[in-house]
């Protein structure tokens, strides 16, 4: 394990599989302590066990990122388990494709909820924590850089046939990220 991120606390949504799992393992390999998330317990716990087997630290906060109250629970898990938050990666998601004339409101709402509303709620829940930590660092004369990564898609930039819901949500996360950079960038 590297020491590059030793002491840092990283939250990765959708980290039980795919890209999220790879990001979590990479961060853990660099020394970060992880808060893992997946809709299902089994994949998140499997990644947790992998990290622990490598000598890292990880806890899981399972459930749907789109669930009411989940954002507070996720950020509370990070602060409760590790006392802070340094890296936040909004990665959780899936697709539910259809052409616009056949797309149901449920399909539309599901993609907006998981890909745009959930990251918004998670970032809103993280703001007081990040602000308090940043103020404490400034008062102590420490310069600590925290990171937010919101995962989008080429579908959010260029669109994709059969994915009007997913494309709109991923375009929205680009806009959210640019606005957040102006708010938190300083």
N, C-alpha and C. Protein backbone atom coordinates (compact mmCIF):
# COMPACT_ATOMS: atom_id res chain seq x y z
N UNK A 1 0.83 -1.19 0.00
CA UNK A 1 0.00 0.00 0.00
C UNK A 1 0.88 1.25 0.00
N UNK A 2 0.41 2.24 -0.70
CA UNK A 2 1.08 3.53 -0.77
C UNK A 2 0.67 4.37 0.44
N UNK A 3 1.38 5.42 0.67
CA UNK A 3 1.06 6.33 1.77
C UNK A 3 0.46 7.64 1.25
N UNK A 4 0.30 7.77 -0.06
CA UNK A 4 -0.13 9.03 -0.68
C UNK A 4 -1.40 9.60 -0.05
N UNK A 5 -2.36 8.74 0.27
CA UNK A 5 -3.64 9.19 0.82
C UNK A 5 -3.85 8.76 2.27
N UNK A 6 -2.76 8.42 2.96
CA UNK A 6 -2.86 7.99 4.35
C UNK A 6 -3.58 9.04 5.18
N UNK A 7 -4.58 8.58 5.92
CA UNK A 7 -5.35 9.47 6.79
C UNK A 7 -6.54 10.12 6.11
N UNK A 8 -6.62 10.04 4.80
CA UNK A 8 -7.74 10.64 4.07
C UNK A 8 -8.96 9.72 4.15
N UNK A 9 -10.13 10.34 4.14
CA UNK A 9 -11.39 9.60 4.17
C UNK A 9 -12.07 9.80 2.82
N UNK A 10 -12.38 8.70 2.16
CA UNK A 10 -13.02 8.74 0.84
C UNK A 10 -14.35 8.02 0.87
N UNK A 11 -15.36 8.65 0.28
CA UNK A 11 -16.68 8.07 0.11
C UNK A 11 -16.88 7.82 -1.38
N UNK A 12 -17.25 6.60 -1.73
CA UNK A 12 -17.50 6.25 -3.13
C UNK A 12 -18.86 5.57 -3.23
N UNK A 13 -19.81 6.24 -3.88
CA UNK A 13 -21.11 5.60 -4.08
C UNK A 13 -21.01 4.64 -5.25
N UNK A 14 -21.82 3.60 -5.18
CA UNK A 14 -21.80 2.58 -6.23
C UNK A 14 -20.48 1.84 -6.29
N UNK A 15 -19.88 1.61 -5.13
CA UNK A 15 -18.53 1.02 -5.10
C UNK A 15 -18.52 -0.49 -4.93
N UNK A 16 -19.65 -1.12 -5.05
CA UNK A 16 -19.69 -2.58 -4.95
C UNK A 16 -19.36 -3.30 -6.23
N UNK A 17 -19.36 -2.56 -7.33
CA UNK A 17 -19.12 -3.18 -8.65
C UNK A 17 -18.51 -2.16 -9.60
N UNK A 18 -18.02 -2.66 -10.72
CA UNK A 18 -17.61 -1.84 -11.85
C UNK A 18 -16.61 -0.75 -11.53
N UNK A 19 -16.85 0.42 -12.11
CA UNK A 19 -15.95 1.57 -11.96
C UNK A 19 -15.83 1.98 -10.50
N UNK A 20 -16.93 1.98 -9.77
CA UNK A 20 -16.89 2.37 -8.36
C UNK A 20 -16.01 1.46 -7.54
N UNK A 21 -16.10 0.17 -7.81
CA UNK A 21 -15.25 -0.81 -7.11
C UNK A 21 -13.78 -0.54 -7.42
N UNK A 22 -13.48 -0.31 -8.69
CA UNK A 22 -12.09 -0.04 -9.09
C UNK A 22 -11.56 1.23 -8.43
N UNK A 23 -12.40 2.26 -8.35
CA UNK A 23 -11.97 3.50 -7.69
C UNK A 23 -11.72 3.26 -6.21
N UNK A 24 -12.62 2.54 -5.56
CA UNK A 24 -12.46 2.27 -4.13
C UNK A 24 -11.18 1.49 -3.85
N UNK A 25 -10.93 0.47 -4.64
CA UNK A 25 -9.71 -0.32 -4.44
C UNK A 25 -8.45 0.51 -4.68
N UNK A 26 -8.48 1.37 -5.68
CA UNK A 26 -7.33 2.24 -5.97
C UNK A 26 -7.09 3.21 -4.81
N UNK A 27 -8.15 3.84 -4.33
CA UNK A 27 -8.02 4.77 -3.21
C UNK A 27 -7.50 4.06 -1.96
N UNK A 28 -8.03 2.88 -1.69
CA UNK A 28 -7.56 2.10 -0.55
C UNK A 28 -6.10 1.73 -0.72
N UNK A 29 -5.70 1.38 -1.94
CA UNK A 29 -4.32 1.04 -2.22
C UNK A 29 -3.37 2.21 -2.02
N UNK A 30 -3.92 3.42 -2.06
CA UNK A 30 -3.12 4.62 -1.81
C UNK A 30 -3.19 5.05 -0.34
N UNK A 31 -3.88 4.26 0.48
CA UNK A 31 -3.91 4.52 1.92
C UNK A 31 -5.17 5.17 2.46
N UNK A 32 -6.13 5.49 1.61
CA UNK A 32 -7.36 6.13 2.08
C UNK A 32 -8.23 5.15 2.86
N UNK A 33 -8.98 5.68 3.80
CA UNK A 33 -10.00 4.92 4.52
C UNK A 33 -11.30 5.13 3.76
N UNK A 34 -12.04 4.04 3.51
CA UNK A 34 -13.17 4.09 2.59
C UNK A 34 -14.51 3.92 3.25
N UNK A 35 -15.48 4.68 2.76
CA UNK A 35 -16.89 4.43 3.01
C UNK A 35 -17.44 3.94 1.68
N UNK A 36 -17.86 2.69 1.67
CA UNK A 36 -18.35 2.03 0.46
C UNK A 36 -19.87 2.08 0.43
N UNK A 37 -20.41 2.06 -0.77
CA UNK A 37 -21.86 2.04 -0.92
C UNK A 37 -22.24 1.18 -2.10
N UNK A 38 -23.29 0.42 -1.93
CA UNK A 38 -23.95 -0.27 -3.02
C UNK A 38 -25.40 -0.44 -2.63
N UNK A 39 -26.24 -0.59 -3.62
CA UNK A 39 -27.65 -0.83 -3.37
C UNK A 39 -27.83 -2.11 -2.57
N UNK A 40 -27.00 -3.11 -2.87
CA UNK A 40 -27.06 -4.41 -2.22
C UNK A 40 -25.90 -4.60 -1.25
N UNK A 41 -26.17 -5.25 -0.13
CA UNK A 41 -25.14 -5.47 0.88
C UNK A 41 -23.97 -6.32 0.39
N UNK A 42 -24.28 -7.40 -0.30
CA UNK A 42 -23.25 -8.39 -0.65
C UNK A 42 -22.08 -7.80 -1.44
N UNK A 43 -22.30 -7.04 -2.53
CA UNK A 43 -21.15 -6.50 -3.26
C UNK A 43 -20.33 -5.51 -2.43
N UNK A 44 -21.00 -4.67 -1.66
CA UNK A 44 -20.28 -3.70 -0.84
C UNK A 44 -19.42 -4.41 0.21
N UNK A 45 -19.98 -5.42 0.83
CA UNK A 45 -19.23 -6.14 1.86
C UNK A 45 -18.07 -6.92 1.25
N UNK A 46 -18.23 -7.42 0.03
CA UNK A 46 -17.13 -8.13 -0.65
C UNK A 46 -15.97 -7.18 -0.91
N UNK A 47 -16.27 -5.95 -1.35
CA UNK A 47 -15.20 -4.96 -1.58
C UNK A 47 -14.57 -4.57 -0.25
N UNK A 48 -15.39 -4.43 0.78
CA UNK A 48 -14.86 -4.12 2.11
C UNK A 48 -13.86 -5.18 2.55
N UNK A 49 -14.22 -6.44 2.37
CA UNK A 49 -13.32 -7.54 2.74
C UNK A 49 -12.03 -7.52 1.92
N UNK A 50 -12.13 -7.18 0.63
CA UNK A 50 -10.92 -7.06 -0.21
C UNK A 50 -9.99 -5.99 0.34
N UNK A 51 -10.56 -4.86 0.71
CA UNK A 51 -9.75 -3.75 1.22
C UNK A 51 -9.10 -4.13 2.54
N UNK A 52 -9.85 -4.75 3.42
CA UNK A 52 -9.30 -5.17 4.71
C UNK A 52 -8.19 -6.20 4.51
N UNK A 53 -8.40 -7.12 3.58
CA UNK A 53 -7.37 -8.14 3.29
C UNK A 53 -6.08 -7.52 2.78
N UNK A 54 -6.19 -6.35 2.15
CA UNK A 54 -5.01 -5.62 1.66
C UNK A 54 -4.38 -4.75 2.75
N UNK A 55 -4.96 -4.77 3.93
CA UNK A 55 -4.43 -3.96 5.04
C UNK A 55 -5.07 -2.59 5.16
N UNK A 56 -6.16 -2.37 4.44
CA UNK A 56 -6.84 -1.07 4.48
C UNK A 56 -7.99 -1.04 5.46
N UNK A 57 -8.63 0.11 5.52
CA UNK A 57 -9.79 0.30 6.39
C UNK A 57 -11.00 0.66 5.53
N UNK A 58 -12.14 0.06 5.82
CA UNK A 58 -13.36 0.36 5.07
C UNK A 58 -14.59 -0.01 5.89
N UNK A 59 -15.63 0.78 5.69
CA UNK A 59 -16.95 0.49 6.23
C UNK A 59 -17.93 0.60 5.06
N UNK A 60 -19.11 0.02 5.25
CA UNK A 60 -20.12 0.07 4.20
C UNK A 60 -21.36 0.80 4.69
N UNK A 61 -21.96 1.55 3.78
CA UNK A 61 -23.24 2.21 4.02
C UNK A 61 -24.12 1.82 2.83
N UNK A 62 -24.84 0.74 2.98
CA UNK A 62 -25.60 0.18 1.87
C UNK A 62 -26.99 0.80 1.77
N UNK A 63 -27.50 0.79 0.56
CA UNK A 63 -28.83 1.30 0.30
C UNK A 63 -28.84 2.15 -0.94
N UNK A 64 -30.03 2.58 -1.31
CA UNK A 64 -30.21 3.40 -2.51
C UNK A 64 -29.83 4.84 -2.25
N UNK A 65 -28.96 5.38 -3.08
CA UNK A 65 -28.57 6.78 -2.95
C UNK A 65 -29.76 7.71 -3.18
N UNK A 66 -30.79 7.22 -3.85
CA UNK A 66 -31.97 8.03 -4.15
C UNK A 66 -32.99 8.03 -3.01
N UNK A 67 -32.78 7.21 -2.01
CA UNK A 67 -33.71 7.10 -0.88
C UNK A 67 -33.68 8.36 -0.03
N UNK A 68 -34.84 8.83 0.37
CA UNK A 68 -34.92 9.99 1.26
C UNK A 68 -34.12 9.71 2.53
N UNK A 69 -33.31 10.64 2.95
CA UNK A 69 -32.52 10.50 4.16
C UNK A 69 -31.20 9.78 3.98
N UNK A 70 -30.98 9.17 2.81
CA UNK A 70 -29.75 8.40 2.61
C UNK A 70 -28.50 9.29 2.67
N UNK A 71 -28.56 10.47 2.09
CA UNK A 71 -27.39 11.35 2.04
C UNK A 71 -26.85 11.63 3.44
N UNK A 72 -27.74 11.95 4.36
CA UNK A 72 -27.31 12.22 5.74
C UNK A 72 -26.71 10.98 6.38
N UNK A 73 -27.29 9.83 6.09
CA UNK A 73 -26.77 8.57 6.64
C UNK A 73 -25.37 8.29 6.09
N UNK A 74 -25.16 8.53 4.79
CA UNK A 74 -23.86 8.29 4.16
C UNK A 74 -22.78 9.20 4.74
N UNK A 75 -23.06 10.47 4.81
CA UNK A 75 -22.07 11.42 5.35
C UNK A 75 -21.87 11.15 6.84
N UNK A 76 -22.92 10.80 7.55
CA UNK A 76 -22.81 10.43 8.96
C UNK A 76 -21.94 9.20 9.17
N UNK A 77 -21.99 8.27 8.24
CA UNK A 77 -21.14 7.08 8.32
C UNK A 77 -19.67 7.49 8.21
N UNK A 78 -19.36 8.39 7.29
CA UNK A 78 -17.97 8.84 7.12
C UNK A 78 -17.46 9.55 8.36
N UNK A 79 -18.26 10.47 8.89
CA UNK A 79 -17.80 11.21 10.07
C UNK A 79 -17.82 10.35 11.32
N UNK A 80 -18.79 9.45 11.42
CA UNK A 80 -18.86 8.58 12.58
C UNK A 80 -17.75 7.55 12.62
N UNK A 81 -17.44 6.97 11.47
CA UNK A 81 -16.41 5.93 11.43
C UNK A 81 -15.00 6.49 11.41
N UNK A 82 -14.81 7.61 10.69
CA UNK A 82 -13.45 8.09 10.46
C UNK A 82 -13.22 9.55 10.85
N UNK A 83 -14.26 10.25 11.29
CA UNK A 83 -14.10 11.60 11.79
C UNK A 83 -13.91 12.69 10.75
N UNK A 84 -14.15 12.39 9.49
CA UNK A 84 -13.96 13.43 8.49
C UNK A 84 -14.44 13.04 7.11
N UNK A 85 -14.04 13.84 6.14
CA UNK A 85 -14.39 13.63 4.75
C UNK A 85 -13.41 14.41 3.89
N UNK A 86 -12.66 13.71 3.06
CA UNK A 86 -11.67 14.36 2.20
C UNK A 86 -11.96 14.18 0.72
N UNK A 87 -12.53 13.05 0.35
CA UNK A 87 -12.79 12.73 -1.05
C UNK A 87 -14.21 12.19 -1.15
N UNK A 88 -14.99 12.78 -2.04
CA UNK A 88 -16.37 12.33 -2.24
C UNK A 88 -16.56 12.05 -3.72
N UNK A 89 -16.89 10.81 -4.04
CA UNK A 89 -17.11 10.42 -5.43
C UNK A 89 -18.55 9.95 -5.60
N UNK A 90 -19.32 10.74 -6.34
CA UNK A 90 -20.70 10.39 -6.70
C UNK A 90 -20.66 9.58 -7.98
N UNK A 91 -20.71 8.27 -7.84
CA UNK A 91 -20.56 7.36 -8.97
C UNK A 91 -21.78 6.48 -9.20
N UNK A 92 -22.59 6.24 -8.19
CA UNK A 92 -23.70 5.28 -8.29
C UNK A 92 -24.62 5.60 -9.46
N UNK A 93 -25.05 4.55 -10.13
CA UNK A 93 -25.99 4.76 -11.22
C UNK A 93 -26.24 3.52 -12.03
N UNK A 94 -27.19 3.63 -12.92
CA UNK A 94 -27.55 2.56 -13.85
C UNK A 94 -28.32 3.20 -14.98
N UNK A 95 -28.69 2.42 -15.97
CA UNK A 95 -29.51 2.94 -17.07
C UNK A 95 -30.84 2.20 -17.13
N UNK A 96 -31.83 2.89 -17.64
CA UNK A 96 -33.16 2.32 -17.88
C UNK A 96 -33.65 2.95 -19.17
N UNK A 97 -33.24 2.36 -20.27
CA UNK A 97 -33.38 2.96 -21.59
C UNK A 97 -34.73 2.73 -22.24
N UNK A 98 -35.08 3.71 -23.09
CA UNK A 98 -36.25 3.61 -23.95
C UNK A 98 -36.27 4.86 -24.84
N UNK A 99 -36.90 4.77 -25.98
CA UNK A 99 -37.09 5.96 -26.81
C UNK A 99 -38.12 6.85 -26.14
N UNK A 100 -38.06 8.13 -26.43
CA UNK A 100 -38.87 9.10 -25.68
C UNK A 100 -40.36 8.80 -25.72
N UNK A 101 -40.88 8.38 -26.86
CA UNK A 101 -42.32 8.14 -26.97
C UNK A 101 -42.78 6.92 -26.18
N UNK A 102 -41.85 6.07 -25.76
CA UNK A 102 -42.20 4.89 -24.97
C UNK A 102 -41.70 4.99 -23.52
N UNK A 103 -41.01 6.08 -23.20
CA UNK A 103 -40.44 6.22 -21.87
C UNK A 103 -41.52 6.59 -20.86
N UNK A 104 -41.56 5.87 -19.76
CA UNK A 104 -42.53 6.15 -18.70
C UNK A 104 -42.00 7.23 -17.77
N UNK A 105 -42.91 7.83 -17.02
CA UNK A 105 -42.49 8.79 -16.00
C UNK A 105 -41.58 8.11 -14.98
N UNK A 106 -41.85 6.85 -14.67
CA UNK A 106 -41.01 6.12 -13.70
C UNK A 106 -39.58 6.00 -14.22
N UNK A 107 -39.40 5.72 -15.51
CA UNK A 107 -38.06 5.64 -16.08
C UNK A 107 -37.35 6.99 -16.02
N UNK A 108 -38.06 8.04 -16.38
CA UNK A 108 -37.50 9.39 -16.32
C UNK A 108 -37.10 9.74 -14.89
N UNK A 109 -38.04 9.60 -13.98
CA UNK A 109 -37.79 9.97 -12.59
C UNK A 109 -36.65 9.17 -11.97
N UNK A 110 -36.57 7.89 -12.26
CA UNK A 110 -35.51 7.05 -11.68
C UNK A 110 -34.14 7.54 -12.08
N UNK A 111 -33.96 7.92 -13.34
CA UNK A 111 -32.64 8.37 -13.79
C UNK A 111 -32.29 9.74 -13.22
N UNK A 112 -33.26 10.64 -13.16
CA UNK A 112 -33.01 11.96 -12.57
C UNK A 112 -32.69 11.79 -11.08
N UNK A 113 -33.44 10.93 -10.40
CA UNK A 113 -33.24 10.72 -8.96
C UNK A 113 -31.84 10.18 -8.64
N UNK A 114 -31.41 9.13 -9.33
CA UNK A 114 -30.15 8.49 -8.98
C UNK A 114 -28.93 9.26 -9.49
N UNK A 115 -29.05 9.87 -10.68
CA UNK A 115 -27.88 10.50 -11.30
C UNK A 115 -27.75 11.99 -11.01
N UNK A 116 -28.81 12.64 -10.55
CA UNK A 116 -28.74 14.08 -10.32
C UNK A 116 -29.22 14.48 -8.93
N UNK A 117 -30.39 14.03 -8.54
CA UNK A 117 -30.91 14.41 -7.22
C UNK A 117 -30.07 13.81 -6.10
N UNK A 118 -29.69 12.55 -6.21
CA UNK A 118 -28.89 11.92 -5.16
C UNK A 118 -27.54 12.62 -4.97
N UNK A 119 -26.76 12.88 -6.02
CA UNK A 119 -25.51 13.63 -5.81
C UNK A 119 -25.74 15.00 -5.19
N UNK A 120 -26.81 15.70 -5.62
CA UNK A 120 -27.14 16.99 -5.03
C UNK A 120 -27.36 16.85 -3.52
N UNK A 121 -28.16 15.87 -3.12
CA UNK A 121 -28.44 15.68 -1.69
C UNK A 121 -27.19 15.29 -0.92
N UNK A 122 -26.35 14.45 -1.50
CA UNK A 122 -25.12 14.02 -0.83
C UNK A 122 -24.18 15.21 -0.64
N UNK A 123 -24.04 16.03 -1.68
CA UNK A 123 -23.19 17.21 -1.57
C UNK A 123 -23.76 18.21 -0.56
N UNK A 124 -25.06 18.37 -0.56
CA UNK A 124 -25.69 19.27 0.41
C UNK A 124 -25.44 18.77 1.83
N UNK A 125 -25.54 17.45 2.04
CA UNK A 125 -25.27 16.89 3.37
C UNK A 125 -23.80 17.02 3.75
N UNK A 126 -22.92 16.97 2.76
CA UNK A 126 -21.48 17.06 3.03
C UNK A 126 -21.03 18.48 3.32
N UNK A 127 -21.74 19.46 2.83
CA UNK A 127 -21.29 20.86 2.93
C UNK A 127 -20.96 21.30 4.36
N UNK A 128 -21.82 21.08 5.34
CA UNK A 128 -21.47 21.53 6.70
C UNK A 128 -20.21 20.84 7.23
N UNK A 129 -20.02 19.59 6.88
CA UNK A 129 -18.84 18.85 7.33
C UNK A 129 -17.58 19.44 6.68
N UNK A 130 -17.64 19.61 5.38
CA UNK A 130 -16.49 20.16 4.64
C UNK A 130 -16.18 21.57 5.12
N UNK A 131 -17.20 22.36 5.33
CA UNK A 131 -16.99 23.74 5.80
C UNK A 131 -16.33 23.77 7.17
N UNK A 132 -16.83 22.96 8.08
CA UNK A 132 -16.25 22.94 9.43
C UNK A 132 -14.80 22.44 9.41
N UNK A 133 -14.54 21.41 8.64
CA UNK A 133 -13.17 20.90 8.54
C UNK A 133 -12.25 21.92 7.90
N UNK A 134 -12.72 22.60 6.86
CA UNK A 134 -11.91 23.62 6.19
C UNK A 134 -11.60 24.79 7.12
N UNK A 135 -12.58 25.20 7.89
CA UNK A 135 -12.35 26.30 8.85
C UNK A 135 -11.33 25.88 9.92
N UNK A 136 -11.48 24.67 10.43
CA UNK A 136 -10.53 24.19 11.45
C UNK A 136 -9.13 24.09 10.87
N UNK A 137 -9.00 23.63 9.63
CA UNK A 137 -7.69 23.56 8.98
C UNK A 137 -7.09 24.96 8.82
N UNK A 138 -7.90 25.91 8.38
CA UNK A 138 -7.42 27.28 8.19
C UNK A 138 -6.96 27.89 9.51
N UNK A 139 -7.74 27.69 10.56
CA UNK A 139 -7.38 28.23 11.87
C UNK A 139 -6.10 27.61 12.40
N UNK A 140 -5.83 26.35 12.04
CA UNK A 140 -4.60 25.67 12.47
C UNK A 140 -3.44 25.92 11.52
N UNK A 141 -3.69 26.69 10.46
CA UNK A 141 -2.63 26.99 9.52
C UNK A 141 -2.30 25.84 8.57
N UNK A 142 -3.22 24.90 8.43
CA UNK A 142 -3.02 23.77 7.52
C UNK A 142 -3.73 24.03 6.21
N UNK A 143 -3.10 23.65 5.11
CA UNK A 143 -3.75 23.70 3.80
C UNK A 143 -4.10 22.27 3.42
N UNK A 144 -5.38 21.96 3.48
CA UNK A 144 -5.87 20.63 3.13
C UNK A 144 -6.77 20.77 1.91
N UNK A 145 -6.50 19.99 0.91
CA UNK A 145 -7.31 20.02 -0.31
C UNK A 145 -8.26 18.83 -0.30
N UNK A 146 -9.53 19.13 -0.41
CA UNK A 146 -10.54 18.08 -0.48
C UNK A 146 -11.04 17.98 -1.91
N UNK A 147 -11.55 16.82 -2.28
CA UNK A 147 -11.94 16.56 -3.67
C UNK A 147 -13.38 16.09 -3.76
N UNK A 148 -14.06 16.54 -4.81
CA UNK A 148 -15.37 16.04 -5.19
C UNK A 148 -15.27 15.58 -6.63
N UNK A 149 -15.71 14.36 -6.88
CA UNK A 149 -15.76 13.83 -8.25
C UNK A 149 -17.20 13.40 -8.50
N UNK A 150 -17.82 14.02 -9.49
CA UNK A 150 -19.17 13.65 -9.91
C UNK A 150 -19.05 12.98 -11.26
N UNK A 151 -19.39 11.71 -11.33
CA UNK A 151 -19.21 10.94 -12.55
C UNK A 151 -20.35 11.23 -13.52
N UNK A 152 -19.99 11.65 -14.72
CA UNK A 152 -20.95 11.90 -15.78
C UNK A 152 -20.75 10.87 -16.88
N UNK A 153 -21.06 11.22 -18.09
CA UNK A 153 -20.99 10.30 -19.22
C UNK A 153 -20.92 11.09 -20.51
N UNK A 154 -20.39 10.48 -21.56
CA UNK A 154 -20.43 11.13 -22.86
C UNK A 154 -21.88 11.34 -23.29
N UNK A 155 -22.79 10.52 -22.78
CA UNK A 155 -24.22 10.71 -23.08
C UNK A 155 -24.73 12.04 -22.54
N UNK A 156 -24.13 12.53 -21.47
CA UNK A 156 -24.50 13.81 -20.91
C UNK A 156 -23.98 14.99 -21.70
N UNK A 157 -22.99 14.76 -22.52
CA UNK A 157 -22.41 15.82 -23.34
C UNK A 157 -22.96 15.77 -24.77
N UNK A 158 -23.08 14.57 -25.31
CA UNK A 158 -23.48 14.41 -26.70
C UNK A 158 -24.87 13.80 -26.89
N UNK A 159 -25.48 13.33 -25.82
CA UNK A 159 -26.76 12.63 -25.93
C UNK A 159 -26.57 11.23 -26.47
N UNK A 160 -27.61 10.42 -26.36
CA UNK A 160 -27.56 9.07 -26.88
C UNK A 160 -28.99 8.61 -27.16
N UNK A 161 -29.20 8.05 -28.32
CA UNK A 161 -30.52 7.56 -28.69
C UNK A 161 -31.01 6.52 -27.69
N UNK A 162 -32.24 6.67 -27.27
CA UNK A 162 -32.82 5.73 -26.31
C UNK A 162 -32.46 6.04 -24.87
N UNK A 163 -31.76 7.14 -24.65
CA UNK A 163 -31.34 7.49 -23.29
C UNK A 163 -31.62 8.95 -22.96
N UNK A 164 -32.78 9.44 -23.33
CA UNK A 164 -33.09 10.84 -23.04
C UNK A 164 -33.06 11.10 -21.53
N UNK A 165 -33.51 10.15 -20.74
CA UNK A 165 -33.52 10.30 -19.28
C UNK A 165 -32.10 10.31 -18.70
N UNK A 166 -31.30 9.34 -19.07
CA UNK A 166 -29.92 9.22 -18.60
C UNK A 166 -29.09 10.40 -19.10
N UNK A 167 -29.24 10.75 -20.37
CA UNK A 167 -28.48 11.86 -20.95
C UNK A 167 -28.80 13.17 -20.25
N UNK A 168 -30.08 13.42 -19.98
CA UNK A 168 -30.48 14.64 -19.29
C UNK A 168 -29.90 14.69 -17.88
N UNK A 169 -29.96 13.57 -17.17
CA UNK A 169 -29.42 13.53 -15.81
C UNK A 169 -27.91 13.75 -15.80
N UNK A 170 -27.20 13.11 -16.74
CA UNK A 170 -25.74 13.25 -16.80
C UNK A 170 -25.32 14.64 -17.26
N UNK A 171 -26.12 15.28 -18.13
CA UNK A 171 -25.86 16.68 -18.48
C UNK A 171 -26.07 17.56 -17.25
N UNK A 172 -27.10 17.23 -16.47
CA UNK A 172 -27.37 17.98 -15.25
C UNK A 172 -26.24 17.90 -14.24
N UNK A 173 -25.61 16.73 -14.12
CA UNK A 173 -24.51 16.59 -13.16
C UNK A 173 -23.31 17.42 -13.60
N UNK A 174 -23.14 17.61 -14.91
CA UNK A 174 -22.08 18.49 -15.40
C UNK A 174 -22.36 19.92 -14.94
N UNK A 175 -23.58 20.38 -15.12
CA UNK A 175 -23.95 21.72 -14.67
C UNK A 175 -23.83 21.88 -13.17
N UNK A 176 -24.29 20.89 -12.42
CA UNK A 176 -24.17 20.92 -10.96
C UNK A 176 -22.71 21.05 -10.55
N UNK A 177 -21.85 20.28 -11.20
CA UNK A 177 -20.42 20.29 -10.87
C UNK A 177 -19.80 21.65 -11.16
N UNK A 178 -20.14 22.25 -12.28
CA UNK A 178 -19.58 23.56 -12.61
C UNK A 178 -20.05 24.63 -11.62
N UNK A 179 -21.32 24.59 -11.23
CA UNK A 179 -21.82 25.54 -10.24
C UNK A 179 -21.16 25.29 -8.88
N UNK A 180 -21.01 24.03 -8.50
CA UNK A 180 -20.39 23.70 -7.23
C UNK A 180 -18.93 24.16 -7.19
N UNK A 181 -18.23 24.04 -8.31
CA UNK A 181 -16.84 24.50 -8.37
C UNK A 181 -16.76 26.00 -8.08
N UNK A 182 -17.73 26.75 -8.53
CA UNK A 182 -17.75 28.20 -8.26
C UNK A 182 -18.07 28.47 -6.79
N UNK A 183 -18.96 27.64 -6.21
CA UNK A 183 -19.33 27.84 -4.80
C UNK A 183 -18.23 27.39 -3.85
N UNK A 184 -17.66 26.20 -4.11
CA UNK A 184 -16.70 25.61 -3.19
C UNK A 184 -15.25 25.80 -3.63
N UNK A 185 -15.04 26.27 -4.84
CA UNK A 185 -13.69 26.32 -5.43
C UNK A 185 -12.69 27.12 -4.65
N UNK A 186 -13.13 28.16 -4.01
CA UNK A 186 -12.18 28.99 -3.25
C UNK A 186 -11.58 28.20 -2.12
